[in-house]
Amino acid sequence: MVFRVAFEAAADVQPHPGPFEVHGDYFTDVIAACALLDDVAAGRFVLVGFGRDPWRVDVGYDMSAFLEELPDVVAGIRSGQDVELDLYPPGVEATFFFSADADDVVIRCSSRVTWQPLPDVERIDRRELLTMLDALVADVARALHDISPSVAERSAFTRRWVAGT
């Protein structure tokens, strides 16, 4: 089983009726974006790997936690530095440790619940991983735009990723 993360948009999602709050800071806007997507069942957050296919994760809380730390994770992977991503929501409670190894990234999973990953280490091509993470963000941003164009245009989450930072 190979590590995979994605946002799979639902078909025929209706616009969110509001009200909307855009705060202008990345972390708060990620939380708001994921809550909006969850409210209208805009899609599903998919996480596969370490013996779980799929993980039991949701859009509103688990995907938000993943996206909160993603800018630092992507920057670390691009620069070849070791980075970690903590999926802190109750029931998930796992940390992913990303380490560069030539053209690959080694991902180690550490669980803080009774479930233990098997295997606890997976390897993926660095470019493939970065492409996957970029696709996750693009799909989330597209879905956010579909349910609320005005929020997507004002959201620090969307602006940060469109700018490529």
Protein backbone atom coordinates (compact mmCIF):
# COMPACT_ATOMS: atom_id res chain seq x y z
CA MET A 1 0.00 0.00 0.00
CA VAL A 2 1.40 3.37 -1.00
CA PHE A 3 0.80 6.68 0.77
CA ARG A 4 -1.93 8.70 -0.93
CA VAL A 5 -3.83 11.82 0.03
CA ALA A 6 -6.53 13.54 -2.00
CA PHE A 7 -9.74 15.52 -1.97
CA GLU A 8 -12.37 13.88 -4.14
CA ALA A 9 -15.06 16.39 -5.07
CA ALA A 10 -18.68 15.32 -5.06
CA ALA A 11 -20.79 15.77 -8.17
CA ASP A 12 -23.47 18.47 -8.31
CA VAL A 13 -22.68 20.32 -5.10
CA GLN A 14 -24.90 23.31 -4.39
CA PRO A 15 -23.45 26.68 -3.41
CA HIS A 16 -23.16 27.32 0.32
CA PRO A 17 -25.89 29.73 1.46
CA GLY A 18 -23.63 31.57 3.95
CA PRO A 19 -23.00 33.46 6.09
CA PHE A 20 -19.29 33.62 5.37
CA GLU A 21 -16.39 34.86 7.40
CA VAL A 22 -12.98 35.36 5.85
CA HIS A 23 -10.33 36.32 8.36
CA GLY A 24 -7.35 36.83 6.08
CA ASP A 25 -4.95 34.54 7.90
CA TYR A 26 -4.04 31.14 6.54
CA PHE A 27 -4.85 28.94 9.56
CA THR A 28 -8.24 30.46 10.31
CA ASP A 29 -9.24 30.45 6.65
CA VAL A 30 -8.26 26.77 6.30
CA ILE A 31 -10.59 25.93 9.17
CA ALA A 32 -13.39 28.03 7.64
CA ALA A 33 -12.87 26.56 4.15
CA CYS A 34 -13.00 22.98 5.42
CA ALA A 35 -16.11 23.75 7.50
CA LEU A 36 -17.86 25.22 4.45
CA LEU A 37 -16.90 22.22 2.30
CA ASP A 38 -18.11 19.85 5.01
CA ASP A 39 -21.41 21.74 5.46
CA VAL A 40 -22.44 21.12 1.85
CA ALA A 41 -20.84 17.65 1.52
CA ALA A 42 -18.59 18.99 -1.26
CA GLY A 43 -16.41 15.91 -1.29
CA ARG A 44 -14.33 13.56 0.79
CA PHE A 45 -10.84 13.66 2.21
CA VAL A 46 -8.94 10.50 1.28
CA LEU A 47 -5.89 9.27 3.15
CA VAL A 48 -4.33 5.88 2.38
CA GLY A 49 -1.20 4.20 3.65
CA PHE A 50 0.54 2.51 6.55
CA GLY A 51 -1.85 -0.43 6.45
CA ARG A 52 -5.06 1.61 6.24
CA ASP A 53 -7.03 1.85 3.02
CA PRO A 54 -8.63 4.27 3.60
CA TRP A 55 -8.15 6.03 6.92
CA ARG A 56 -11.37 7.15 8.62
CA VAL A 57 -10.98 10.89 8.14
CA ASP A 58 -13.39 13.73 7.48
CA VAL A 59 -13.29 17.04 5.63
CA GLY A 60 -14.31 19.40 8.44
CA TYR A 61 -11.70 18.53 11.04
CA ASP A 62 -9.16 16.00 9.80
CA MET A 63 -8.52 17.62 6.40
CA SER A 64 -8.32 20.99 8.11
CA ALA A 65 -5.59 19.68 10.43
CA PHE A 66 -3.70 18.25 7.44
CA LEU A 67 -3.94 21.49 5.45
CA GLU A 68 -2.95 23.68 8.42
CA GLU A 69 0.57 22.27 8.39
CA LEU A 70 0.91 21.65 4.67
CA PRO A 71 2.80 24.85 3.69
CA ASP A 72 5.68 24.00 6.03
CA VAL A 73 5.63 20.36 4.95
CA VAL A 74 5.77 21.26 1.25
CA ALA A 75 8.56 23.78 1.86
CA GLY A 76 10.55 21.17 3.79
CA ILE A 77 10.08 18.50 1.14
CA ARG A 78 11.11 20.93 -1.61
CA SER A 79 14.26 21.94 0.27
CA GLY A 80 15.17 18.40 1.36
CA GLN A 81 14.67 19.11 5.07
CA ASP A 82 13.06 16.74 7.55
CA VAL A 83 9.53 17.89 8.43
CA GLU A 84 6.55 16.50 10.26
CA LEU A 85 2.80 16.78 9.98
CA ASP A 86 0.70 16.13 13.07
CA LEU A 87 -2.82 14.84 12.49
CA TYR A 88 -4.00 15.69 15.98
CA PRO A 89 -7.80 15.16 15.72
CA PRO A 90 -9.17 12.60 18.18
CA GLY A 91 -9.40 9.15 16.67
CA VAL A 92 -6.66 9.87 14.14
CA GLU A 93 -3.81 11.08 16.38
CA ALA A 94 -0.86 10.26 14.15
CA THR A 95 2.27 12.10 13.11
CA PHE A 96 3.90 11.76 9.71
CA PHE A 97 7.65 12.35 9.55
CA PHE A 98 8.97 13.21 6.07
CA SER A 99 12.69 12.71 5.31
CA ALA A 100 14.52 13.19 2.01
CA ASP A 101 16.42 10.22 0.62
CA ALA A 102 17.93 10.96 -2.81
CA ASP A 103 14.96 11.45 -5.18
CA ASP A 104 12.53 9.88 -2.71
CA VAL A 105 10.82 10.92 0.48
CA VAL A 106 10.63 8.44 3.33
CA ILE A 107 7.46 8.88 5.37
CA ARG A 108 7.29 7.39 8.85
CA CYS A 109 3.97 7.20 10.69
CA SER A 110 3.74 7.27 14.46
CA SER A 111 0.37 6.59 16.08
CA ARG A 112 -0.79 7.84 19.48
CA VAL A 113 -3.80 5.51 19.61
CA THR A 114 -4.08 1.75 20.00
CA TRP A 115 -3.87 1.23 16.22
CA GLN A 116 -0.29 0.92 15.01
CA PRO A 117 0.82 1.43 11.40
CA LEU A 118 1.99 -1.64 9.51
CA PRO A 119 4.22 -0.86 7.78
CA ASP A 120 5.24 2.24 9.71
CA VAL A 121 7.51 3.48 6.89
CA GLU A 122 6.64 4.15 3.26
CA ARG A 123 8.72 5.54 0.41
CA ILE A 124 7.50 7.74 -2.44
CA ASP A 125 9.15 9.65 -5.27
CA ARG A 126 9.61 13.28 -4.19
CA ARG A 127 8.11 14.74 -7.38
CA GLU A 128 5.16 12.36 -7.16
CA LEU A 129 4.50 13.40 -3.56
CA LEU A 130 4.72 17.11 -4.36
CA THR A 131 2.39 16.65 -7.34
CA MET A 132 -0.07 14.79 -5.09
CA LEU A 133 0.01 17.54 -2.45
CA ASP A 134 -0.41 20.26 -5.09
CA ALA A 135 -3.40 18.37 -6.52
CA LEU A 136 -4.95 18.10 -3.05
CA VAL A 137 -4.76 21.85 -2.58
CA ALA A 138 -5.94 22.62 -6.12
CA ASP A 139 -8.94 20.31 -5.71
CA VAL A 140 -9.86 21.86 -2.35
CA ALA A 141 -9.50 25.39 -3.77
CA ARG A 142 -11.62 24.46 -6.81
CA ALA A 143 -14.34 22.96 -4.62
CA LEU A 144 -14.29 26.04 -2.38
CA HIS A 145 -14.67 28.24 -5.46
CA ASP A 146 -17.60 26.10 -6.64
CA ILE A 147 -19.55 26.52 -3.41
CA SER A 148 -18.58 30.14 -2.71
CA PRO A 149 -16.57 32.11 -5.27
CA SER A 150 -16.48 35.20 -3.04
CA VAL A 151 -14.95 33.26 -0.14
CA ALA A 152 -12.45 31.54 -2.41
CA GLU A 153 -11.32 34.89 -3.84
CA ARG A 154 -10.85 36.47 -0.40
CA SER A 155 -9.48 33.46 1.46
CA ALA A 156 -5.84 33.50 2.58
CA PHE A 157 -5.88 29.74 2.03
CA THR A 158 -6.66 30.12 -1.67
CA ARG A 159 -4.42 33.16 -2.19
CA ARG A 160 -1.43 31.45 -0.57
CA TRP A 161 -1.63 28.38 -2.78
CA VAL A 162 -2.45 30.23 -5.98
CA ALA A 163 0.63 32.37 -5.35
CA GLY A 164 2.69 29.19 -5.01
CA THR A 165 3.93 29.85 -1.49
